[in-house]
Amino acid sequence: MNLHDFLQSKRLFTAEECKIIDTAFQREIIPKGAMIYESNPYSKRMLFIESGLLRIFFLQDGKDITHFFFDEDYFIAPINSILYNKTERYQWEAIESCRVKVIPYEDFLTLKNRVPRLSQLTLEFALHMLDVFSQKLNQLQFHTAYDRYRIFLDLYPNLHNRVSLGSVASFLGITQQTLSVIRSKKR
C-alpha cells in the first residue's frame, strides 16, 4: 500500500495532513538483493515499505542470522544510528524489489511538530514492534522447534513463500535440516 493510502487507513489524519506527510517522504526503489547500509552502516533515515520485503540480519561467528523480516506497511529505521549515534549493527537486505518512502530523521522530527498526531502513529508502531519482539523471544525461550514454525506460519502467513528456508530457520533459531523435517511432517 502506498504511504498516502496507509495514512488514510489509520484514520488519525486529515486529508491535508496525509498529503503533508506523504510529500515529506521521497520514494526510492531498492532492487532485489541490494544490501542497505552495507557501505555506510551509519544512517539517520526512516523508511516506510510500500511494497517488497526486507530482511534484517547480523553475522555472528561466520553465521548469517536473521533477526527479522519487514514487509509492506512498516516503518523502520536504524535505531542505533538514530537514537545512539552509533553505526548500525544489523545489515538490511532486500529479499524482493522494494518500493519505499524515505525521510531523514531530522526532517521527520520537524514533520512531527507540524503534524502532532504523527507522534501517536509512531508510538503505536513502537508498541507493536515491542510486542512482536516479545513474541519472538517467547517463542525462542519456551517453544519447541515445531511450535516455533507453527507460530511463525500463524503470525506471518504472507512470508511463508517469500523467504528462503535458511532465513526462516535462522529466524526461528533452528537448523535448516530441522526445519525441512518439520515441514515434511506438516504435509
Protein backbone atom coordinates (compact mmCIF):
# COMPACT_ATOMS: atom_id res chain seq x y z
CA MET A 1 0.00 0.00 0.00
CA ASN A 2 1.37 3.43 -0.75
CA LEU A 3 2.12 5.72 2.18
CA HIS A 4 -0.74 8.12 1.50
CA ASP A 5 -3.35 5.32 1.45
CA PHE A 6 -1.80 3.76 4.55
CA LEU A 7 -2.06 7.05 6.44
CA GLN A 8 -5.69 7.46 5.37
CA SER A 9 -6.49 3.93 6.54
CA LYS A 10 -5.29 4.80 10.05
CA ARG A 11 -7.98 7.48 10.36
CA LEU A 12 -5.71 9.62 12.52
CA PHE A 13 -5.07 12.35 9.98
CA THR A 14 -6.99 14.79 7.88
CA ALA A 15 -6.66 14.55 4.10
CA GLU A 16 -4.34 17.58 4.19
CA GLU A 17 -2.14 16.01 6.89
CA CYS A 18 -1.89 12.80 4.85
CA LYS A 19 -0.71 14.84 1.89
CA ILE A 20 1.81 16.79 4.01
CA ILE A 21 3.29 13.60 5.46
CA ASP A 22 3.36 11.76 2.13
CA THR A 23 5.11 14.59 0.29
CA ALA A 24 7.74 14.93 3.05
CA PHE A 25 8.96 11.41 2.20
CA GLN A 26 10.87 10.65 -1.02
CA ARG A 27 10.20 7.47 -2.99
CA GLU A 28 13.09 5.09 -3.70
CA ILE A 29 13.34 1.70 -5.33
CA ILE A 30 15.64 -0.85 -3.71
CA PRO A 31 16.49 -3.69 -6.10
CA LYS A 32 16.16 -7.30 -5.05
CA GLY A 33 19.36 -8.50 -3.39
CA ALA A 34 20.57 -5.00 -2.53
CA MET A 35 22.27 -4.55 0.80
CA ILE A 36 21.20 -1.42 2.64
CA TYR A 37 23.70 0.29 4.94
CA GLU A 38 26.45 -2.13 3.89
CA SER A 39 28.75 0.58 2.55
CA ASN A 40 27.52 3.13 5.09
CA PRO A 41 26.46 1.39 8.31
CA TYR A 42 25.58 4.78 9.75
CA SER A 43 22.34 6.36 8.60
CA LYS A 44 19.65 8.53 10.06
CA ARG A 45 16.87 7.82 7.58
CA MET A 46 13.47 6.30 8.24
CA LEU A 47 11.77 4.09 5.67
CA PHE A 48 8.17 3.16 5.02
CA ILE A 49 7.86 -0.01 2.96
CA GLU A 50 5.17 0.39 0.32
CA SER A 51 5.94 -2.90 -1.40
CA GLY A 52 8.56 -5.62 -1.10
CA LEU A 53 10.34 -7.40 1.71
CA LEU A 54 13.44 -6.59 3.76
CA ARG A 55 15.41 -8.99 5.91
CA ILE A 56 17.32 -7.65 8.89
CA PHE A 57 20.23 -9.89 9.90
CA PHE A 58 23.62 -9.99 11.59
CA LEU A 59 26.71 -12.10 11.31
CA GLN A 60 27.94 -13.99 14.34
CA ASP A 61 30.84 -16.43 14.28
CA GLY A 62 30.59 -16.54 10.50
CA LYS A 63 26.89 -17.38 10.57
CA ASP A 64 24.18 -15.30 8.92
CA ILE A 65 21.37 -14.97 11.49
CA THR A 66 18.04 -13.49 10.51
CA HIS A 67 16.84 -11.04 13.13
CA PHE A 68 13.58 -10.03 11.49
CA PHE A 69 11.57 -9.55 8.32
CA PHE A 70 9.73 -6.37 7.37
CA ASP A 71 7.21 -6.24 4.57
CA GLU A 72 4.56 -3.83 3.36
CA ASP A 73 3.13 -1.14 5.62
CA TYR A 74 6.03 -0.98 8.08
CA PHE A 75 8.06 1.99 9.21
CA ILE A 76 11.64 1.00 10.01
CA ALA A 77 14.77 2.88 10.97
CA PRO A 78 18.34 2.14 12.02
CA ILE A 79 17.77 2.62 15.74
CA ASN A 80 21.45 2.56 16.75
CA SER A 81 22.24 5.44 14.41
CA ILE A 82 19.15 7.50 15.14
CA LEU A 83 18.94 7.15 18.90
CA TYR A 84 22.50 6.37 19.96
CA ASN A 85 24.60 7.96 17.21
CA LYS A 86 26.33 4.62 16.54
CA THR A 87 26.82 2.53 13.43
CA GLU A 88 24.07 0.05 12.67
CA ARG A 89 24.89 -3.45 13.93
CA TYR A 90 22.36 -5.13 11.64
CA GLN A 91 22.52 -5.48 7.90
CA TRP A 92 19.45 -4.93 5.77
CA GLU A 93 18.83 -6.96 2.61
CA ALA A 94 16.08 -6.54 0.04
CA ILE A 95 14.69 -10.04 -0.41
CA GLU A 96 12.36 -8.64 -3.04
CA SER A 97 12.49 -5.44 -5.02
CA CYS A 98 11.19 -2.79 -2.62
CA ARG A 99 9.39 0.48 -3.18
CA VAL A 100 9.98 2.62 -0.10
CA LYS A 101 9.36 6.16 1.05
CA VAL A 102 12.34 7.67 2.87
CA ILE A 103 12.82 10.67 5.13
CA PRO A 104 15.85 11.89 7.09
CA TYR A 105 15.15 11.52 10.79
CA GLU A 106 15.72 15.23 11.47
CA ASP A 107 13.08 16.05 8.85
CA PHE A 108 10.77 13.50 10.46
CA LEU A 109 11.12 15.27 13.82
CA THR A 110 10.23 18.56 12.16
CA LEU A 111 7.28 16.87 10.47
CA LYS A 112 6.04 15.55 13.85
CA ASN A 113 5.98 19.15 15.11
CA ARG A 114 3.94 20.16 12.07
CA VAL A 115 1.56 17.15 12.33
CA PRO A 116 1.39 16.32 16.06
CA ARG A 117 -0.76 13.19 15.59
CA LEU A 118 2.22 11.61 13.85
CA SER A 119 3.59 11.05 17.38
CA GLN A 120 0.60 8.81 18.11
CA LEU A 121 1.31 6.74 15.00
CA THR A 122 4.99 6.32 15.89
CA LEU A 123 4.06 5.30 19.44
CA GLU A 124 1.62 2.71 18.06
CA PHE A 125 4.36 1.32 15.80
CA ALA A 126 6.89 1.26 18.63
CA LEU A 127 4.47 -0.62 20.89
CA HIS A 128 3.57 -3.01 18.08
CA MET A 129 7.26 -3.75 17.46
CA LEU A 130 7.85 -4.28 21.17
CA ASP A 131 5.02 -6.83 21.17
CA VAL A 132 6.37 -8.57 18.05
CA PHE A 133 9.87 -8.84 19.52
CA SER A 134 8.44 -10.05 22.82
CA GLN A 135 6.55 -12.78 20.96
CA LYS A 136 9.73 -13.82 19.16
CA LEU A 137 11.66 -14.00 22.43
CA ASN A 138 8.86 -16.05 23.97
CA GLN A 139 8.98 -18.48 21.04
CA LEU A 140 12.73 -18.94 21.31
CA GLN A 141 12.67 -19.45 25.07
CA PHE A 142 9.58 -21.55 25.63
CA HIS A 143 8.57 -23.41 22.47
CA THR A 144 9.78 -26.44 20.59
CA ALA A 145 11.12 -26.07 17.06
CA TYR A 146 7.84 -27.45 15.69
CA ASP A 147 5.79 -24.95 17.70
CA ARG A 148 8.05 -22.06 16.63
CA TYR A 149 7.42 -22.90 12.98
CA ARG A 150 3.67 -23.25 13.53
CA ILE A 151 3.56 -19.89 15.32
CA PHE A 152 5.65 -18.32 12.54
CA LEU A 153 3.12 -19.51 9.96
CA ASP A 154 0.22 -18.17 12.04
CA LEU A 155 1.82 -14.79 12.72
CA TYR A 156 3.38 -14.27 9.28
CA PRO A 157 1.26 -16.15 6.73
CA ASN A 158 2.29 -13.80 3.93
CA LEU A 159 6.04 -14.52 4.45
CA HIS A 160 5.98 -18.31 4.13
CA ASN A 161 6.61 -18.43 0.37
CA ARG A 162 8.58 -15.19 0.15
CA VAL A 163 11.68 -16.07 2.20
CA SER A 164 14.27 -18.78 1.90
CA LEU A 165 14.24 -21.87 4.07
CA GLY A 166 17.61 -20.86 5.52
CA SER A 167 16.35 -17.41 6.51
CA VAL A 168 13.26 -18.85 8.20
CA ALA A 169 15.37 -21.42 10.04
CA SER A 170 17.83 -18.83 11.36
CA PHE A 171 14.92 -16.55 12.36
CA LEU A 172 13.43 -19.46 14.35
CA GLY A 173 16.78 -20.39 15.90
CA ILE A 174 16.86 -23.86 14.35
CA THR A 175 18.89 -25.56 11.63
CA GLN A 176 17.71 -25.71 8.06
CA GLN A 177 17.71 -29.51 8.31
CA THR A 178 15.40 -29.39 11.34
CA LEU A 179 13.06 -27.04 9.50
CA SER A 180 12.98 -29.37 6.49
CA VAL A 181 11.99 -32.28 8.75
CA ILE A 182 9.26 -30.16 10.41
CA ARG A 183 7.89 -29.02 7.06
CA SER A 184 7.76 -32.59 5.72
CA LYS A 185 5.76 -33.69 8.79
CA LYS A 186 3.24 -30.84 8.34
CA ARG A 187 2.22 -32.03 4.86
